[in-house]
Structure formats: C-alpha cells, structure tokens
Amino acid sequence: MPQLIGIQIASARRVKINARAVLTAIHKQPTAGVVPVLPLGLMGDEQADLSVHGGLDKAVYAYPSEHYPLWRAARESAGLAAIDDALPWGNMGENLTLSGLLEREVWVGDVLQFAHCALRVTLPREPCYKFNAAMGFKTAAKTMAQQGCCGFYLAVQQPGYLQAGDTFEVIAGKRGLSIPESFRAKMFKHLR
C-alpha cells in the first residue's frame, strides 16, 4: 500500500536568484506530528506565486520518493555532491513525499484516500527557474522535463489531517488523462 513518508511546509521568503531578490516558498522543511489539511492546503504552508502554485487545484504538491536517487546523481554530475550531498524530503518543493506511487500510476481525477482526509489529483508540476536555483544547477528543469519525474498537484476533496507514516489508497477517477500525458503536453518548451 502506498505511504506518506514525509510532510513539508514553508513560509514564503526572499532569496537571491540571478542577482534578483525573488519571493519563494520552494524550500520546504519537514514538519512532525499531525498536520491539518485545509481547503487551500497544509496549515502553515505558503506559496509565493499564486499564478502557478497554490489555490484550490494546486493546494498540495506530492512527489515520489523513488525519484530522489536520480536527483542525487544529477547533482553529483553537476559537481554539487561535495558541497551538499544531503537531499532531504522536501527538496523538490513538495509538501508530501510519497512511497509506492509514481506518476505513471496516477490519473487526473484519482483520489488519494487517507484515513482522515482525501486529496484529488489535478495536474503535474511544471518546473520553473526557481527549481533550477533550488537544485543548484541550471538544467534541473530540463532534466525534470526529460525524465518526467514531476510529481503532481492535489486538490483537497475532504479536509482533515495527515501524519508521516500514513498509508493511503488510490481511488480511480475517470482515467481520461494520465499525469505523464498531461506533463508531456506542457513540457515541450523545456525540451528545446
């Protein structure tokens, strides 16, 4: 059964990206214990640019833990392993780190049914320049586009609460559009 292995939140803050001060909340930090899930996301979590993150359809961002070895290898290839080889959960900017559920197994409209809340799959995550900065190398977004390891956004179908270690069931939606199909349609611009 798939499992929630990490919950991360962040407040929006200004960071320097390409000599500009940019507001971001991509640097998610682990949170322990029970975390309330509200209609607009996890209590205590913020999004900096509501035109691309947050809102009802992008309230929570989930990411498969199975992709972390790929990112460790990509950072090593970029010469970053000696600087910081730790890549804790949340480094992709995700709120929920999942084990046992990859993008190819998820469709828009599927519901992740937890014991105390339900989250509906809405969209794949589309990488941006902030992701490049957070990962420390300028081709991170392109790597995500090429590999299809994007994770997915969730709408809160039933508010409640979550805790790391919770298991969940995937309740199939209409199964008209898979996350990989949706992601490929959006990623053409990153593959040039």
N, C-alpha and C. Protein backbone atom coordinates (compact mmCIF):
# COMPACT_ATOMS: atom_id res chain seq x y z
N MET A 1 0.85 -1.18 0.00
CA MET A 1 0.00 0.00 0.00
C MET A 1 0.90 1.24 0.00
N PRO A 2 0.58 2.26 -0.82
CA PRO A 2 1.39 3.48 -0.83
C PRO A 2 1.39 4.15 0.55
N GLN A 3 2.48 4.90 0.79
CA GLN A 3 2.64 5.51 2.11
C GLN A 3 3.14 6.94 1.99
N LEU A 4 2.70 7.77 2.92
CA LEU A 4 3.19 9.14 3.08
C LEU A 4 4.41 9.08 4.00
N ILE A 5 5.60 9.38 3.46
CA ILE A 5 6.80 9.23 4.30
C ILE A 5 7.36 10.56 4.78
N GLY A 6 6.87 11.68 4.24
CA GLY A 6 7.34 12.98 4.71
C GLY A 6 6.32 14.06 4.42
N ILE A 7 6.19 15.01 5.37
CA ILE A 7 5.33 16.18 5.19
C ILE A 7 6.21 17.40 5.39
N GLN A 8 6.15 18.33 4.43
CA GLN A 8 6.99 19.52 4.47
C GLN A 8 6.15 20.78 4.20
N ILE A 9 6.51 21.86 4.88
CA ILE A 9 5.86 23.15 4.68
C ILE A 9 6.93 24.24 4.66
N ALA A 10 6.54 25.43 4.22
CA ALA A 10 7.47 26.57 4.23
C ALA A 10 6.69 27.87 4.20
N SER A 11 7.31 28.89 4.74
CA SER A 11 6.82 30.26 4.58
C SER A 11 7.53 30.86 3.39
N ALA A 12 6.85 31.74 2.69
CA ALA A 12 7.48 32.44 1.57
C ALA A 12 8.56 33.37 2.11
N ARG A 13 9.69 33.41 1.41
CA ARG A 13 10.79 34.30 1.82
C ARG A 13 11.55 34.76 0.58
N ARG A 14 12.28 35.82 0.71
CA ARG A 14 13.07 36.34 -0.41
C ARG A 14 14.43 35.66 -0.43
N VAL A 15 14.79 35.20 -1.64
CA VAL A 15 16.11 34.62 -1.85
C VAL A 15 16.70 35.26 -3.11
N LYS A 16 18.01 35.21 -3.22
CA LYS A 16 18.70 35.77 -4.38
C LYS A 16 18.79 34.72 -5.48
N ILE A 17 18.22 35.03 -6.65
CA ILE A 17 18.31 34.17 -7.82
C ILE A 17 18.72 35.06 -8.98
N ASN A 18 19.87 34.75 -9.57
CA ASN A 18 20.40 35.55 -10.68
C ASN A 18 20.45 37.04 -10.34
N ALA A 19 20.98 37.35 -9.18
CA ALA A 19 21.19 38.71 -8.69
C ALA A 19 19.89 39.48 -8.43
N ARG A 20 18.77 38.77 -8.36
CA ARG A 20 17.49 39.40 -8.03
C ARG A 20 16.94 38.80 -6.75
N ALA A 21 16.29 39.60 -5.94
CA ALA A 21 15.60 39.10 -4.75
C ALA A 21 14.23 38.62 -5.20
N VAL A 22 13.98 37.32 -5.04
CA VAL A 22 12.76 36.68 -5.53
C VAL A 22 12.04 36.04 -4.35
N LEU A 23 10.73 36.23 -4.29
CA LEU A 23 9.92 35.61 -3.26
C LEU A 23 9.65 34.16 -3.65
N THR A 24 9.91 33.22 -2.72
CA THR A 24 9.70 31.80 -3.00
C THR A 24 9.37 31.05 -1.71
N ALA A 25 8.68 29.95 -1.87
CA ALA A 25 8.42 29.03 -0.75
C ALA A 25 8.82 27.62 -1.14
N ILE A 26 9.76 27.50 -2.08
CA ILE A 26 10.19 26.19 -2.58
C ILE A 26 11.01 25.41 -1.54
N HIS A 27 11.58 26.11 -0.59
CA HIS A 27 12.46 25.45 0.39
C HIS A 27 11.63 24.87 1.54
N LYS A 28 10.94 23.77 1.26
CA LYS A 28 10.06 23.13 2.24
C LYS A 28 10.89 22.42 3.32
N GLN A 29 10.41 22.51 4.55
CA GLN A 29 11.08 21.90 5.69
C GLN A 29 10.17 20.86 6.34
N PRO A 30 10.76 19.77 6.86
CA PRO A 30 9.94 18.73 7.48
C PRO A 30 9.16 19.26 8.68
N THR A 31 7.98 18.72 8.83
CA THR A 31 7.17 19.04 9.99
C THR A 31 6.72 17.73 10.63
N ALA A 32 6.70 17.69 11.93
CA ALA A 32 6.37 16.44 12.65
C ALA A 32 4.96 16.51 13.21
N GLY A 33 4.45 15.35 13.53
CA GLY A 33 3.13 15.27 14.16
C GLY A 33 2.00 15.40 13.16
N VAL A 34 0.84 15.67 13.69
CA VAL A 34 -0.37 15.79 12.90
C VAL A 34 -0.41 17.16 12.22
N VAL A 35 -0.67 17.17 10.91
CA VAL A 35 -0.72 18.42 10.14
C VAL A 35 -2.13 18.58 9.58
N PRO A 36 -2.83 19.65 9.98
CA PRO A 36 -4.17 19.90 9.44
C PRO A 36 -4.12 20.16 7.93
N VAL A 37 -5.10 19.59 7.23
CA VAL A 37 -5.26 19.79 5.79
C VAL A 37 -6.53 20.60 5.59
N LEU A 38 -6.35 21.82 5.09
CA LEU A 38 -7.45 22.76 4.88
C LEU A 38 -7.77 22.87 3.39
N PRO A 39 -8.86 23.49 3.00
CA PRO A 39 -9.20 23.57 1.57
C PRO A 39 -8.10 24.14 0.67
N LEU A 40 -7.27 25.05 1.20
CA LEU A 40 -6.19 25.64 0.41
C LEU A 40 -4.82 25.04 0.71
N GLY A 41 -4.78 23.89 1.40
CA GLY A 41 -3.51 23.22 1.61
C GLY A 41 -3.20 22.92 3.06
N LEU A 42 -1.93 22.65 3.32
CA LEU A 42 -1.48 22.28 4.66
C LEU A 42 -1.36 23.53 5.53
N MET A 43 -1.81 23.41 6.76
CA MET A 43 -1.69 24.53 7.70
C MET A 43 -0.22 24.89 7.87
N GLY A 44 0.10 26.16 7.73
CA GLY A 44 1.47 26.64 7.90
C GLY A 44 2.27 26.71 6.61
N ASP A 45 1.71 26.22 5.51
CA ASP A 45 2.42 26.26 4.23
C ASP A 45 1.98 27.47 3.42
N GLU A 46 2.94 28.05 2.70
CA GLU A 46 2.64 29.19 1.84
C GLU A 46 3.16 28.92 0.43
N GLN A 47 2.62 29.67 -0.52
CA GLN A 47 3.10 29.69 -1.88
C GLN A 47 3.38 31.14 -2.22
N ALA A 48 4.44 31.40 -2.96
CA ALA A 48 4.84 32.77 -3.27
C ALA A 48 4.15 33.32 -4.50
N ASP A 49 4.01 32.51 -5.52
CA ASP A 49 3.43 32.97 -6.80
C ASP A 49 2.16 32.18 -7.06
N LEU A 50 1.03 32.77 -6.67
CA LEU A 50 -0.25 32.07 -6.77
C LEU A 50 -0.74 31.90 -8.20
N SER A 51 -0.03 32.49 -9.16
CA SER A 51 -0.41 32.26 -10.56
C SER A 51 0.04 30.88 -11.04
N VAL A 52 1.00 30.27 -10.35
CA VAL A 52 1.49 28.94 -10.76
C VAL A 52 1.46 27.89 -9.65
N HIS A 53 1.29 28.28 -8.41
CA HIS A 53 1.24 27.35 -7.28
C HIS A 53 0.10 27.76 -6.36
N GLY A 54 -0.44 26.82 -5.66
CA GLY A 54 -1.47 27.12 -4.69
C GLY A 54 -2.85 27.24 -5.31
N GLY A 55 -3.79 27.67 -4.50
CA GLY A 55 -5.18 27.75 -4.93
C GLY A 55 -5.86 26.41 -4.74
N LEU A 56 -7.11 26.34 -5.12
CA LEU A 56 -7.89 25.12 -4.89
C LEU A 56 -7.37 23.91 -5.66
N ASP A 57 -6.92 24.10 -6.92
CA ASP A 57 -6.47 22.97 -7.73
C ASP A 57 -5.01 22.59 -7.48
N LYS A 58 -4.25 23.46 -6.84
CA LYS A 58 -2.83 23.19 -6.57
C LYS A 58 -2.55 23.41 -5.08
N ALA A 59 -3.44 22.92 -4.26
CA ALA A 59 -3.35 23.16 -2.81
C ALA A 59 -2.18 22.43 -2.16
N VAL A 60 -1.88 21.23 -2.66
CA VAL A 60 -0.83 20.38 -2.08
C VAL A 60 -0.02 19.79 -3.23
N TYR A 61 1.30 19.73 -3.06
CA TYR A 61 2.17 19.15 -4.08
C TYR A 61 2.78 17.86 -3.53
N ALA A 62 2.59 16.76 -4.27
CA ALA A 62 3.10 15.44 -3.87
C ALA A 62 4.22 15.01 -4.82
N TYR A 63 5.22 14.31 -4.25
CA TYR A 63 6.36 13.87 -5.06
C TYR A 63 6.80 12.47 -4.64
N PRO A 64 7.07 11.58 -5.61
CA PRO A 64 7.52 10.23 -5.30
C PRO A 64 8.96 10.20 -4.76
N SER A 65 9.15 9.53 -3.65
CA SER A 65 10.49 9.40 -3.06
C SER A 65 11.41 8.62 -3.98
N GLU A 66 10.85 7.78 -4.83
CA GLU A 66 11.65 6.94 -5.72
C GLU A 66 12.51 7.75 -6.69
N HIS A 67 12.20 9.04 -6.89
CA HIS A 67 12.99 9.88 -7.80
C HIS A 67 14.21 10.52 -7.14
N TYR A 68 14.30 10.48 -5.84
CA TYR A 68 15.42 11.15 -5.16
C TYR A 68 16.79 10.63 -5.59
N PRO A 69 17.00 9.33 -5.82
CA PRO A 69 18.31 8.88 -6.31
C PRO A 69 18.70 9.52 -7.64
N LEU A 70 17.74 9.73 -8.54
CA LEU A 70 18.02 10.41 -9.80
C LEU A 70 18.56 11.82 -9.55
N TRP A 71 17.94 12.53 -8.62
CA TRP A 71 18.37 13.91 -8.33
C TRP A 71 19.73 13.94 -7.62
N ARG A 72 19.99 12.98 -6.77
CA ARG A 72 21.31 12.91 -6.13
C ARG A 72 22.39 12.71 -7.20
N ALA A 73 22.11 11.81 -8.16
CA ALA A 73 23.06 11.56 -9.25
C ALA A 73 23.21 12.79 -10.14
N ALA A 74 22.13 13.48 -10.43
CA ALA A 74 22.19 14.69 -11.27
C ALA A 74 23.00 15.78 -10.57
N ARG A 75 22.82 15.93 -9.28
CA ARG A 75 23.59 16.94 -8.53
C ARG A 75 25.07 16.55 -8.48
N GLU A 76 25.34 15.26 -8.35
CA GLU A 76 26.74 14.80 -8.36
C GLU A 76 27.37 15.10 -9.72
N SER A 77 26.65 14.83 -10.82
CA SER A 77 27.16 15.12 -12.17
C SER A 77 27.41 16.61 -12.38
N ALA A 78 26.63 17.44 -11.69
CA ALA A 78 26.80 18.89 -11.79
C ALA A 78 27.89 19.40 -10.85
N GLY A 79 28.55 18.50 -10.12
CA GLY A 79 29.64 18.89 -9.22
C GLY A 79 29.18 19.41 -7.88
N LEU A 80 27.96 19.09 -7.47
CA LEU A 80 27.43 19.64 -6.22
C LEU A 80 27.49 18.68 -5.05
N ALA A 81 27.82 17.42 -5.29
CA ALA A 81 27.80 16.44 -4.21
C ALA A 81 28.80 16.78 -3.10
N ALA A 82 29.94 17.32 -3.47
CA ALA A 82 30.95 17.65 -2.46
C ALA A 82 30.50 18.83 -1.59
N ILE A 83 29.65 19.68 -2.15
CA ILE A 83 29.15 20.84 -1.39
C ILE A 83 28.07 20.39 -0.42
N ASP A 84 27.12 19.60 -0.92
CA ASP A 84 26.00 19.17 -0.09
C ASP A 84 25.40 17.92 -0.71
N ASP A 85 25.73 16.76 -0.15
CA ASP A 85 25.20 15.53 -0.71
C ASP A 85 23.88 15.12 -0.07
N ALA A 86 23.46 15.85 0.95
CA ALA A 86 22.17 15.58 1.57
C ALA A 86 21.07 16.14 0.68
N LEU A 87 20.05 15.39 0.50
CA LEU A 87 18.91 15.84 -0.28
C LEU A 87 17.67 15.36 0.48
N PRO A 88 17.32 16.08 1.56
CA PRO A 88 16.20 15.62 2.39
C PRO A 88 14.85 15.79 1.70
N TRP A 89 13.85 15.05 2.20
CA TRP A 89 12.50 15.20 1.66
C TRP A 89 12.12 16.67 1.69
N GLY A 90 11.44 17.10 0.65
CA GLY A 90 11.03 18.50 0.53
C GLY A 90 11.89 19.28 -0.43
N ASN A 91 13.03 18.74 -0.83
CA ASN A 91 13.95 19.48 -1.71
C ASN A 91 13.39 19.71 -3.10
N MET A 92 12.37 18.98 -3.50
CA MET A 92 11.74 19.22 -4.80
C MET A 92 10.66 20.30 -4.67
N GLY A 93 10.48 20.79 -3.45
CA GLY A 93 9.43 21.77 -3.18
C GLY A 93 8.12 21.12 -2.82
N GLU A 94 8.16 19.79 -2.58
CA GLU A 94 6.92 19.08 -2.31
C GLU A 94 6.46 19.20 -0.87
N ASN A 95 5.14 19.16 -0.71
CA ASN A 95 4.54 19.10 0.62
C ASN A 95 4.51 17.66 1.13
N LEU A 96 4.20 16.73 0.22
CA LEU A 96 4.08 15.33 0.61
C LEU A 96 5.07 14.49 -0.17
N THR A 97 5.91 13.76 0.53
CA THR A 97 6.81 12.80 -0.10
C THR A 97 6.15 11.43 0.04
N LEU A 98 5.89 10.80 -1.12
CA LEU A 98 5.17 9.54 -1.14
C LEU A 98 6.09 8.39 -1.50
N SER A 99 5.76 7.21 -1.03
CA SER A 99 6.47 5.99 -1.40
C SER A 99 5.44 5.02 -1.97
N GLY A 100 5.77 4.44 -3.14
CA GLY A 100 4.89 3.44 -3.72
C GLY A 100 3.87 3.96 -4.71
N LEU A 101 4.03 5.20 -5.19
CA LEU A 101 3.10 5.74 -6.18
C LEU A 101 3.86 6.68 -7.11
N LEU A 102 4.05 6.23 -8.35
CA LEU A 102 4.75 7.02 -9.37
C LEU A 102 3.75 7.72 -10.28
N GLU A 103 4.23 8.70 -11.02
CA GLU A 103 3.38 9.47 -11.93
C GLU A 103 2.65 8.57 -12.93
N ARG A 104 3.31 7.56 -13.44
CA ARG A 104 2.70 6.69 -14.46
C ARG A 104 1.51 5.90 -13.91
N GLU A 105 1.34 5.90 -12.61
CA GLU A 105 0.22 5.18 -11.98
C GLU A 105 -0.91 6.11 -11.56
N VAL A 106 -0.80 7.40 -11.94
CA VAL A 106 -1.74 8.40 -11.47
C VAL A 106 -2.44 9.09 -12.64
N TRP A 107 -3.72 9.33 -12.48
CA TRP A 107 -4.54 9.99 -13.49
C TRP A 107 -5.22 11.20 -12.86
N VAL A 108 -5.43 12.23 -13.68
CA VAL A 108 -6.19 13.39 -13.23
C VAL A 108 -7.57 12.90 -12.78
N GLY A 109 -7.95 13.27 -11.58
CA GLY A 109 -9.24 12.85 -11.03
C GLY A 109 -9.15 11.71 -10.04
N ASP A 110 -8.01 11.00 -10.01
CA ASP A 110 -7.83 9.97 -8.98
C ASP A 110 -7.84 10.63 -7.61
N VAL A 111 -8.23 9.88 -6.60
CA VAL A 111 -8.26 10.40 -5.24
C VAL A 111 -7.33 9.58 -4.36
N LEU A 112 -6.47 10.28 -3.61
CA LEU A 112 -5.65 9.63 -2.59
C LEU A 112 -6.47 9.66 -1.31
N GLN A 113 -6.98 8.50 -0.94
CA GLN A 113 -7.86 8.40 0.22
C GLN A 113 -7.03 8.01 1.45
N PHE A 114 -6.82 8.97 2.33
CA PHE A 114 -6.14 8.74 3.60
C PHE A 114 -7.21 8.46 4.66
N ALA A 115 -6.82 8.02 5.82
CA ALA A 115 -7.78 7.73 6.89
C ALA A 115 -8.55 8.98 7.31
N HIS A 116 -7.89 10.15 7.26
CA HIS A 116 -8.52 11.35 7.82
C HIS A 116 -8.64 12.51 6.84
N CYS A 117 -8.44 12.27 5.55
CA CYS A 117 -8.66 13.29 4.53
C CYS A 117 -8.58 12.63 3.16
N ALA A 118 -9.03 13.37 2.14
CA ALA A 118 -8.96 12.87 0.76
C ALA A 118 -8.43 13.98 -0.13
N LEU A 119 -7.47 13.63 -1.00
CA LEU A 119 -6.83 14.58 -1.90
C LEU A 119 -7.01 14.10 -3.34
N ARG A 120 -7.48 14.99 -4.22
CA ARG A 120 -7.75 14.63 -5.62
C ARG A 120 -6.64 15.13 -6.53
N VAL A 121 -6.14 14.25 -7.40
CA VAL A 121 -5.07 14.57 -8.35
C VAL A 121 -5.62 15.54 -9.40
N THR A 122 -4.88 16.64 -9.65
CA THR A 122 -5.35 17.65 -10.59
C THR A 122 -4.41 17.88 -11.77
N LEU A 123 -3.11 18.06 -11.52
CA LEU A 123 -2.16 18.47 -12.55
C LEU A 123 -0.76 17.98 -12.23
N PRO A 124 0.09 17.83 -13.26
CA PRO A 124 1.51 17.61 -12.98
C PRO A 124 2.15 18.95 -12.58
N ARG A 125 3.25 18.88 -11.89
CA ARG A 125 4.01 20.09 -11.57
C ARG A 125 4.82 20.48 -12.79
N GLU A 126 4.88 21.75 -13.08
CA GLU A 126 5.69 22.27 -14.18
C GLU A 126 6.89 22.99 -13.57
N PRO A 127 8.11 22.57 -13.88
CA PRO A 127 9.29 23.19 -13.26
C PRO A 127 9.52 24.61 -13.78
N CYS A 128 10.17 25.42 -12.95
CA CYS A 128 10.47 26.79 -13.33
C CYS A 128 11.91 27.13 -12.91
N TYR A 129 12.30 28.36 -13.16
CA TYR A 129 13.66 28.79 -12.85
C TYR A 129 13.97 28.67 -11.35
N LYS A 130 12.96 28.77 -10.50
CA LYS A 130 13.20 28.64 -9.07
C LYS A 130 13.64 27.21 -8.73
N PHE A 131 13.14 26.24 -9.50
CA PHE A 131 13.56 24.85 -9.28
C PHE A 131 15.03 24.69 -9.62
N ASN A 132 15.48 25.31 -10.72
CA ASN A 132 16.91 25.28 -11.06
C ASN A 132 17.74 25.83 -9.91
N ALA A 133 17.32 26.96 -9.38
CA ALA A 133 18.06 27.60 -8.28
C ALA A 133 18.05 26.72 -7.03
N ALA A 134 16.92 26.15 -6.70
CA ALA A 134 16.83 25.31 -5.50
C ALA A 134 17.69 24.05 -5.62
N MET A 135 17.77 23.49 -6.84
CA MET A 135 18.57 22.29 -7.04
C MET A 135 20.06 22.61 -7.20
N GLY A 136 20.37 23.85 -7.56
CA GLY A 136 21.77 24.26 -7.64
C GLY A 136 22.41 24.11 -8.99
N PHE A 137 21.65 23.71 -10.02
CA PHE A 137 22.22 23.65 -11.36
C PHE A 137 21.17 24.05 -12.39
N LYS A 138 21.64 24.70 -13.46
CA LYS A 138 20.74 25.39 -14.39
C LYS A 138 19.95 24.48 -15.32
N THR A 139 20.22 23.19 -15.33
CA THR A 139 19.46 22.29 -16.21
C THR A 139 18.51 21.38 -15.43
N ALA A 140 18.21 21.71 -14.19
CA ALA A 140 17.32 20.88 -13.38
C ALA A 140 15.92 20.80 -14.00
N ALA A 141 15.38 21.93 -14.43
CA ALA A 141 14.03 21.92 -15.04
C ALA A 141 14.03 21.08 -16.31
N LYS A 142 15.08 21.19 -17.10
CA LYS A 142 15.17 20.40 -18.33
C LYS A 142 15.27 18.90 -17.99
N THR A 143 16.02 18.56 -16.95
CA THR A 143 16.13 17.17 -16.51
C THR A 143 14.76 16.64 -16.09
N MET A 144 14.02 17.46 -15.34
CA MET A 144 12.68 17.04 -14.93
C MET A 144 11.80 16.81 -16.16
N ALA A 145 11.90 17.70 -17.14
CA ALA A 145 11.10 17.57 -18.37
C ALA A 145 11.48 16.30 -19.13
N GLN A 146 12.76 16.02 -19.23
CA GLN A 146 13.22 14.84 -19.96
C GLN A 146 12.85 13.54 -19.25
N GLN A 147 12.97 13.52 -17.94
CA GLN A 147 12.74 12.29 -17.17
C GLN A 147 11.28 12.07 -16.80
N GLY A 148 10.48 13.13 -16.83
CA GLY A 148 9.07 13.00 -16.47
C GLY A 148 8.83 12.80 -14.99
N CYS A 149 9.82 13.12 -14.18
CA CYS A 149 9.71 12.94 -12.72
C CYS A 149 9.24 14.25 -12.08
N CYS A 150 7.97 14.55 -12.30
CA CYS A 150 7.41 15.86 -11.97
C CYS A 150 6.60 15.91 -10.68
N GLY A 151 6.10 14.79 -10.23
CA GLY A 151 5.16 14.82 -9.12
C GLY A 151 3.83 15.36 -9.61
N PHE A 152 2.92 15.65 -8.68
CA PHE A 152 1.60 16.11 -9.09
C PHE A 152 0.94 16.93 -7.99
N TYR A 153 0.06 17.82 -8.45
CA TYR A 153 -0.71 18.66 -7.54
C TYR A 153 -1.98 17.95 -7.12
N LEU A 154 -2.46 18.34 -5.95
CA LEU A 154 -3.65 17.76 -5.37
C LEU A 154 -4.60 18.86 -4.88
N ALA A 155 -5.88 18.65 -5.10
CA ALA A 155 -6.92 19.50 -4.52
C ALA A 155 -7.42 18.78 -3.26
N VAL A 156 -7.85 19.54 -2.29
CA VAL A 156 -8.36 18.95 -1.05
C VAL A 156 -9.84 18.63 -1.27
N GLN A 157 -10.12 17.35 -1.39
CA GLN A 157 -11.50 16.92 -1.58
C GLN A 157 -12.23 16.80 -0.26
N GLN A 158 -11.50 16.33 0.75
CA GLN A 158 -12.07 16.21 2.10
C GLN A 158 -11.02 16.70 3.09
N PRO A 159 -11.21 17.88 3.69
CA PRO A 159 -10.25 18.38 4.68
C PRO A 159 -10.15 17.40 5.86
N GLY A 160 -9.05 17.51 6.57
CA GLY A 160 -8.83 16.66 7.74
C GLY A 160 -7.42 16.86 8.24
N TYR A 161 -6.67 15.77 8.35
CA TYR A 161 -5.29 15.88 8.78
C TYR A 161 -4.48 14.70 8.26
N LEU A 162 -3.16 14.90 8.25
CA LEU A 162 -2.20 13.90 7.81
C LEU A 162 -1.08 13.79 8.83
N GLN A 163 -0.38 12.66 8.77
CA GLN A 163 0.82 12.46 9.58
C GLN A 163 1.75 11.55 8.80
N ALA A 164 3.05 11.85 8.86
CA ALA A 164 4.03 10.98 8.20
C ALA A 164 3.84 9.56 8.71
N GLY A 165 3.89 8.61 7.78
CA GLY A 165 3.66 7.21 8.11
C GLY A 165 2.28 6.73 7.70
N ASP A 166 1.36 7.69 7.44
CA ASP A 166 0.01 7.31 6.99
C ASP A 166 0.09 6.54 5.68
N THR A 167 -0.75 5.54 5.55
CA THR A 167 -0.91 4.85 4.27
C THR A 167 -2.16 5.41 3.60
N PHE A 168 -2.31 5.13 2.31
CA PHE A 168 -3.48 5.62 1.59
C PHE A 168 -3.80 4.68 0.44
N GLU A 169 -5.00 4.83 -0.05
CA GLU A 169 -5.47 4.04 -1.18
C GLU A 169 -5.72 5.00 -2.34
N VAL A 170 -5.45 4.56 -3.56
CA VAL A 170 -5.75 5.36 -4.75
C VAL A 170 -7.11 4.92 -5.27
N ILE A 171 -8.06 5.84 -5.25
CA ILE A 171 -9.40 5.59 -5.77
C ILE A 171 -9.43 6.14 -7.19
N ALA A 172 -9.66 5.26 -8.17
CA ALA A 172 -9.61 5.66 -9.58
C ALA A 172 -10.71 6.66 -9.92
N GLY A 173 -10.30 7.71 -10.68
CA GLY A 173 -11.24 8.67 -11.22
C GLY A 173 -11.70 8.19 -12.58
N LYS A 174 -11.98 9.13 -13.48
CA LYS A 174 -12.46 8.77 -14.82
C LYS A 174 -11.38 8.15 -15.70
N ARG A 175 -10.12 8.40 -15.38
CA ARG A 175 -8.98 7.85 -16.11
C ARG A 175 -8.94 8.31 -17.57
N GLY A 176 -9.22 9.59 -17.80
CA GLY A 176 -9.17 10.13 -19.15
C GLY A 176 -7.81 10.71 -19.52
N LEU A 177 -7.08 11.26 -18.54
CA LEU A 177 -5.80 11.91 -18.80
C LEU A 177 -4.82 11.52 -17.70
N SER A 178 -3.74 10.87 -18.09
CA SER A 178 -2.74 10.47 -17.10
C SER A 178 -1.82 11.65 -16.79
N ILE A 179 -1.16 11.58 -15.66
CA ILE A 179 -0.19 12.62 -15.30
C ILE A 179 0.94 12.67 -16.33
N PRO A 180 1.53 11.53 -16.77
CA PRO A 180 2.58 11.63 -17.79
C PRO A 180 2.10 12.27 -19.10
N GLU A 181 0.88 11.96 -19.54
CA GLU A 181 0.36 12.58 -20.77
C GLU A 181 0.21 14.08 -20.60
N SER A 182 -0.34 14.49 -19.50
CA SER A 182 -0.52 15.92 -19.22
C SER A 182 0.83 16.63 -19.12
N PHE A 183 1.79 15.97 -18.48
CA PHE A 183 3.12 16.56 -18.31
C PHE A 183 3.82 16.73 -19.67
N ARG A 184 3.79 15.69 -20.51
CA ARG A 184 4.43 15.78 -21.83
C ARG A 184 3.84 16.93 -22.65
N ALA A 185 2.55 17.15 -22.55
CA ALA A 185 1.91 18.23 -23.29
C ALA A 185 2.41 19.60 -22.84
N LYS A 186 2.75 19.73 -21.57
CA LYS A 186 3.22 21.01 -21.03
C LYS A 186 4.73 21.22 -21.20
N MET A 187 5.50 20.17 -21.40
CA MET A 187 6.95 20.25 -21.32
C MET A 187 7.69 20.55 -22.59
N PHE A 188 7.03 20.70 -23.69
CA PHE A 188 7.71 20.95 -24.95
C PHE A 188 8.68 22.12 -24.83
N LYS A 189 8.26 23.21 -24.18
CA LYS A 189 9.12 24.40 -24.08
C LYS A 189 10.42 24.14 -23.30
N HIS A 190 10.40 23.19 -22.39
CA HIS A 190 11.60 22.90 -21.58
C HIS A 190 12.59 21.99 -22.32
N LEU A 191 12.13 21.33 -23.38
CA LEU A 191 12.97 20.37 -24.07
C LEU A 191 13.72 20.97 -25.26
N ARG A 192 13.54 22.26 -25.51
CA ARG A 192 14.24 22.91 -26.63
C ARG A 192 15.69 23.13 -26.30
